[in-house]
C-alpha atoms as a PDB file:
ATOM      1  CA  MET A   1      -3.740 -33.136  71.110  1.00  0.00           C
ATOM      2  CA  GLY A   2      -5.861 -30.454  69.717  1.00  0.00           C
ATOM      3  CA  TRP A   3      -6.351 -28.433  66.907  1.00  0.00           C
ATOM      4  CA  LEU A   4      -9.149 -25.604  66.428  1.00  0.00           C
ATOM      5  CA  ILE A   5      -9.957 -24.277  63.275  1.00  0.00           C
ATOM      6  CA  LEU A   6     -12.031 -20.758  63.018  1.00  0.00           C
ATOM      7  CA  ASP A   7     -13.880 -20.297  60.372  1.00  0.00           C
ATOM      8  CA  SER A   8     -15.269 -16.882  59.094  1.00  0.00           C
ATOM      9  CA  LEU A   9     -19.235 -16.822  59.231  1.00  0.00           C
ATOM     10  CA  ARG A  10     -18.931 -15.214  55.730  1.00  0.00           C
ATOM     11  CA  HIS A  11     -17.803 -16.533  52.612  1.00  0.00           C
ATOM     12  CA  VAL A  12     -14.383 -14.639  51.965  1.00  0.00           C
ATOM     13  CA  GLY A  13     -11.089 -16.321  50.618  1.00  0.00           C
ATOM     14  CA  GLY A  14      -9.077 -14.496  53.386  1.00  0.00           C
ATOM     15  CA  PRO A  15      -8.408 -11.569  55.451  1.00  0.00           C
ATOM     16  CA  ALA A  16      -8.111  -9.478  52.333  1.00  0.00           C
ATOM     17  CA  ASP A  17     -12.072  -9.832  51.973  1.00  0.00           C
ATOM     18  CA  PHE A  18     -12.923  -8.976  55.176  1.00  0.00           C
ATOM     19  CA  ASN A  19     -15.099  -5.820  56.068  1.00  0.00           C
ATOM     20  CA  ALA A  20     -14.339  -3.546  58.726  1.00  0.00           C
ATOM     21  CA  LEU A  21     -16.218  -5.488  61.194  1.00  0.00           C
ATOM     22  CA  GLU A  22     -14.412  -9.110  60.414  1.00  0.00           C
ATOM     23  CA  THR A  23     -11.030  -6.868  60.428  1.00  0.00           C
ATOM     24  CA  ALA A  24     -11.929  -5.935  63.846  1.00  0.00           C
ATOM     25  CA  ALA A  25     -13.247  -8.552  65.257  1.00  0.00           C
ATOM     26  CA  LEU A  26     -10.056 -10.935  64.182  1.00  0.00           C
ATOM     27  CA  GLY A  27      -7.599  -9.860  66.526  1.00  0.00           C
ATOM     28  CA  PRO A  28      -9.644 -10.713  69.780  1.00  0.00           C
ATOM     29  CA  ILE A  29     -10.560 -13.506  68.910  1.00  0.00           C
ATOM     30  CA  LEU A  30      -7.745 -15.116  67.537  1.00  0.00           C
ATOM     31  CA  GLN A  31      -5.788 -14.005  70.651  1.00  0.00           C
ATOM     32  CA  ARG A  32      -8.793 -15.967  73.184  1.00  0.00           C
ATOM     33  CA  SER A  33      -8.931 -18.772  70.736  1.00  0.00           C
ATOM     34  CA  SER A  34      -4.950 -19.523  71.186  1.00  0.00           C
ATOM     35  CA  ALA A  35      -4.946 -19.076  74.481  1.00  0.00           C
ATOM     36  CA  LEU A  36      -7.467 -21.537  74.974  1.00  0.00           C
ATOM     37  CA  VAL A  37      -6.100 -23.815  72.677  1.00  0.00           C
ATOM     38  CA  ARG A  38      -2.625 -23.091  74.837  1.00  0.00           C
ATOM     39  CA  GLU A  39      -4.547 -23.739  78.128  1.00  0.00           C
ATOM     40  CA  LEU A  40      -6.067 -26.812  77.190  1.00  0.00           C
ATOM     41  CA  CYS A  41      -3.495 -28.239  75.314  1.00  0.00           C
ATOM     42  CA  GLY A  42      -0.557 -27.577  77.920  1.00  0.00           C
ATOM     43  CA  CYS A  43       1.092 -26.624  74.471  1.00  0.00           C
ATOM     44  CA  GLN A  44       4.361 -23.708  74.655  1.00  0.00           C
ATOM     45  CA  ARG A  45       3.322 -22.085  71.401  1.00  0.00           C
ATOM     46  CA  VAL A  46      -0.011 -21.750  68.966  1.00  0.00           C
ATOM     47  CA  TYR A  47       0.530 -21.838  65.438  1.00  0.00           C
ATOM     48  CA  ALA A  48      -1.654 -19.733  63.094  1.00  0.00           C
ATOM     49  CA  ILE A  49      -2.392 -21.399  59.568  1.00  0.00           C
ATOM     50  CA  ALA A  50      -4.551 -20.805  57.095  1.00  0.00           C
ATOM     51  CA  PHE A  51      -3.742 -22.548  54.314  1.00  0.00           C
ATOM     52  CA  GLY A  52      -6.825 -21.787  51.878  1.00  0.00           C
ATOM     53  CA  GLU A  53      -5.996 -24.315  48.960  1.00  0.00           C
ATOM     54  CA  GLY A  54      -8.612 -27.234  49.963  1.00  0.00           C
ATOM     55  CA  ALA A  55     -11.917 -24.601  49.866  1.00  0.00           C
ATOM     56  CA  ARG A  56     -11.542 -21.487  48.865  1.00  0.00           C
ATOM     57  CA  HIS A  57     -12.699 -20.078  52.512  1.00  0.00           C
ATOM     58  CA  PHE A  58     -11.195 -18.494  55.325  1.00  0.00           C
ATOM     59  CA  HIS A  59     -10.096 -21.491  57.633  1.00  0.00           C
ATOM     60  CA  LEU A  60      -7.403 -20.560  60.094  1.00  0.00           C
ATOM     61  CA  HIS A  61      -5.862 -23.158  62.274  1.00  0.00           C
ATOM     62  CA  LEU A  62      -4.451 -23.113  65.337  1.00  0.00           C
ATOM     63  CA  ILE A  63      -1.995 -25.519  66.008  1.00  0.00           C
ATOM     64  CA  PRO A  64      -0.213 -26.465  69.003  1.00  0.00           C
ATOM     65  CA  ARG A  65       3.408 -26.756  69.369  1.00  0.00           C
ATOM     66  CA  HIS A  66       4.443 -29.280  71.897  1.00  0.00           C
ATOM     67  CA  GLY A  67       8.120 -29.033  72.643  1.00  0.00           C
ATOM     68  CA  SER A  68       8.721 -32.684  73.586  1.00  0.00           C
ATOM     69  CA  ASP A  69       6.750 -33.729  69.988  1.00  0.00           C
ATOM     70  CA  PRO A  70       8.921 -33.084  67.047  1.00  0.00           C
ATOM     71  CA  ALA A  71       6.559 -33.563  64.957  1.00  0.00           C
ATOM     72  CA  THR A  72       4.674 -30.252  66.248  1.00  0.00           C
ATOM     73  CA  GLU A  73       7.541 -28.191  64.636  1.00  0.00           C
ATOM     74  CA  SER A  74       6.886 -25.322  62.509  1.00  0.00           C
ATOM     75  CA  TRP A  75       6.185 -26.787  58.916  1.00  0.00           C
ATOM     76  CA  ARG A  76       6.232 -30.532  60.130  1.00  0.00           C
ATOM     77  CA  VAL A  77       2.277 -29.952  61.211  1.00  0.00           C
ATOM     78  CA  ALA A  78       2.110 -30.241  57.613  1.00  0.00           C
ATOM     79  CA  ASP A  79       3.877 -33.695  57.726  1.00  0.00           C
ATOM     80  CA  LEU A  80       1.948 -34.574  60.791  1.00  0.00           C
ATOM     81  CA  TYR A  81      -1.228 -33.868  59.318  1.00  0.00           C
ATOM     82  CA  ARG A  82      -0.581 -36.120  56.412  1.00  0.00           C
ATOM     83  CA  ALA A  83       1.156 -39.370  58.405  1.00  0.00           C
ATOM     84  CA  VAL A  84      -2.658 -39.203  60.254  1.00  0.00           C
ATOM     85  CA  SER A  85      -4.523 -39.029  57.301  1.00  0.00           C
ATOM     86  CA  ALA A  86      -2.306 -41.763  55.852  1.00  0.00           C
ATOM     87  CA  GLY A  87      -2.857 -44.164  58.969  1.00  0.00           C
ATOM     88  CA  GLU A  88       0.704 -43.959  59.635  1.00  0.00           C
ATOM     89  CA  ARG A  89       0.154 -42.123  62.743  1.00  0.00           C
ATOM     90  CA  PRO A  90      -2.993 -42.695  64.690  1.00  0.00           C
ATOM     91  CA  GLU A  91      -6.007 -40.380  65.304  1.00  0.00           C
ATOM     92  CA  ALA A  92      -6.515 -39.102  68.769  1.00  0.00           C
ATOM     93  CA  ASP A  93      -8.689 -41.234  70.940  1.00  0.00           C
ATOM     94  CA  ALA A  94     -12.500 -40.067  69.891  1.00  0.00           C
ATOM     95  CA  ASP A  95     -13.564 -39.892  73.743  1.00  0.00           C
ATOM     96  CA  SER A  96     -10.404 -37.447  74.629  1.00  0.00           C
ATOM     97  CA  VAL A  97     -11.316 -35.664  71.501  1.00  0.00           C
ATOM     98  CA  LEU A  98     -15.134 -35.303  72.601  1.00  0.00           C
ATOM     99  CA  GLN A  99     -13.772 -34.071  76.388  1.00  0.00           C
ATOM    100  CA  LEU A 100     -11.656 -31.445  74.733  1.00  0.00           C
ATOM    101  CA  VAL A 101     -14.444 -30.360  72.777  1.00  0.00           C
ATOM    102  CA  ARG A 102     -16.728 -29.477  75.806  1.00  0.00           C
ATOM    103  CA  ARG A 103     -13.761 -28.423  77.864  1.00  0.00           C
ATOM    104  CA  ALA A 104     -13.248 -25.685  75.125  1.00  0.00           C
ATOM    105  CA  ARG A 105     -17.009 -25.168  74.670  1.00  0.00           C
ATOM    106  CA  GLN A 106     -17.433 -24.496  78.436  1.00  0.00           C
ATOM    107  CA  ALA A 107     -14.598 -22.461  78.235  1.00  0.00           C
ATOM    108  CA  SER A 108     -15.765 -20.163  75.894  1.00  0.00           C
ATOM    109  CA  ASP A 109     -19.203 -20.250  76.466  1.00  0.00           C
ATOM    110  CA  ASP A 110     -19.760 -16.341  77.937  1.00  0.00           C
ATOM    111  CA  TRP A 111     -17.554 -14.920  74.800  1.00  0.00           C
ATOM    112  CA  GLN A 112     -18.992 -12.489  72.986  1.00  0.00           C
ATOM    113  CA  LEU A 113     -18.164 -12.256  68.913  1.00  0.00           C
END
């Protein structure tokens, strides 16, 4: 379980539109955030995907890859998202999500952005 979205503070379409400060900040925050997803979700890998079609604003999705769940394989994550949206696969338990968010906030409280 877990799917983290990094959202740019300034309205930009993607990294091509970043200024120098935003460009320099992306690497460190991406590394810390990916490590946090891996730690909290217990996954083997973390995919970083920016779709950019639903909203023309930079959102970087950090998606855990669990080797035991074939639905989390590379391109299948979009199918997993659609299956949950369509009610074909259950959503994550709300209490579990809340606890995961709390743990993520506690772990990242002291990050300098």
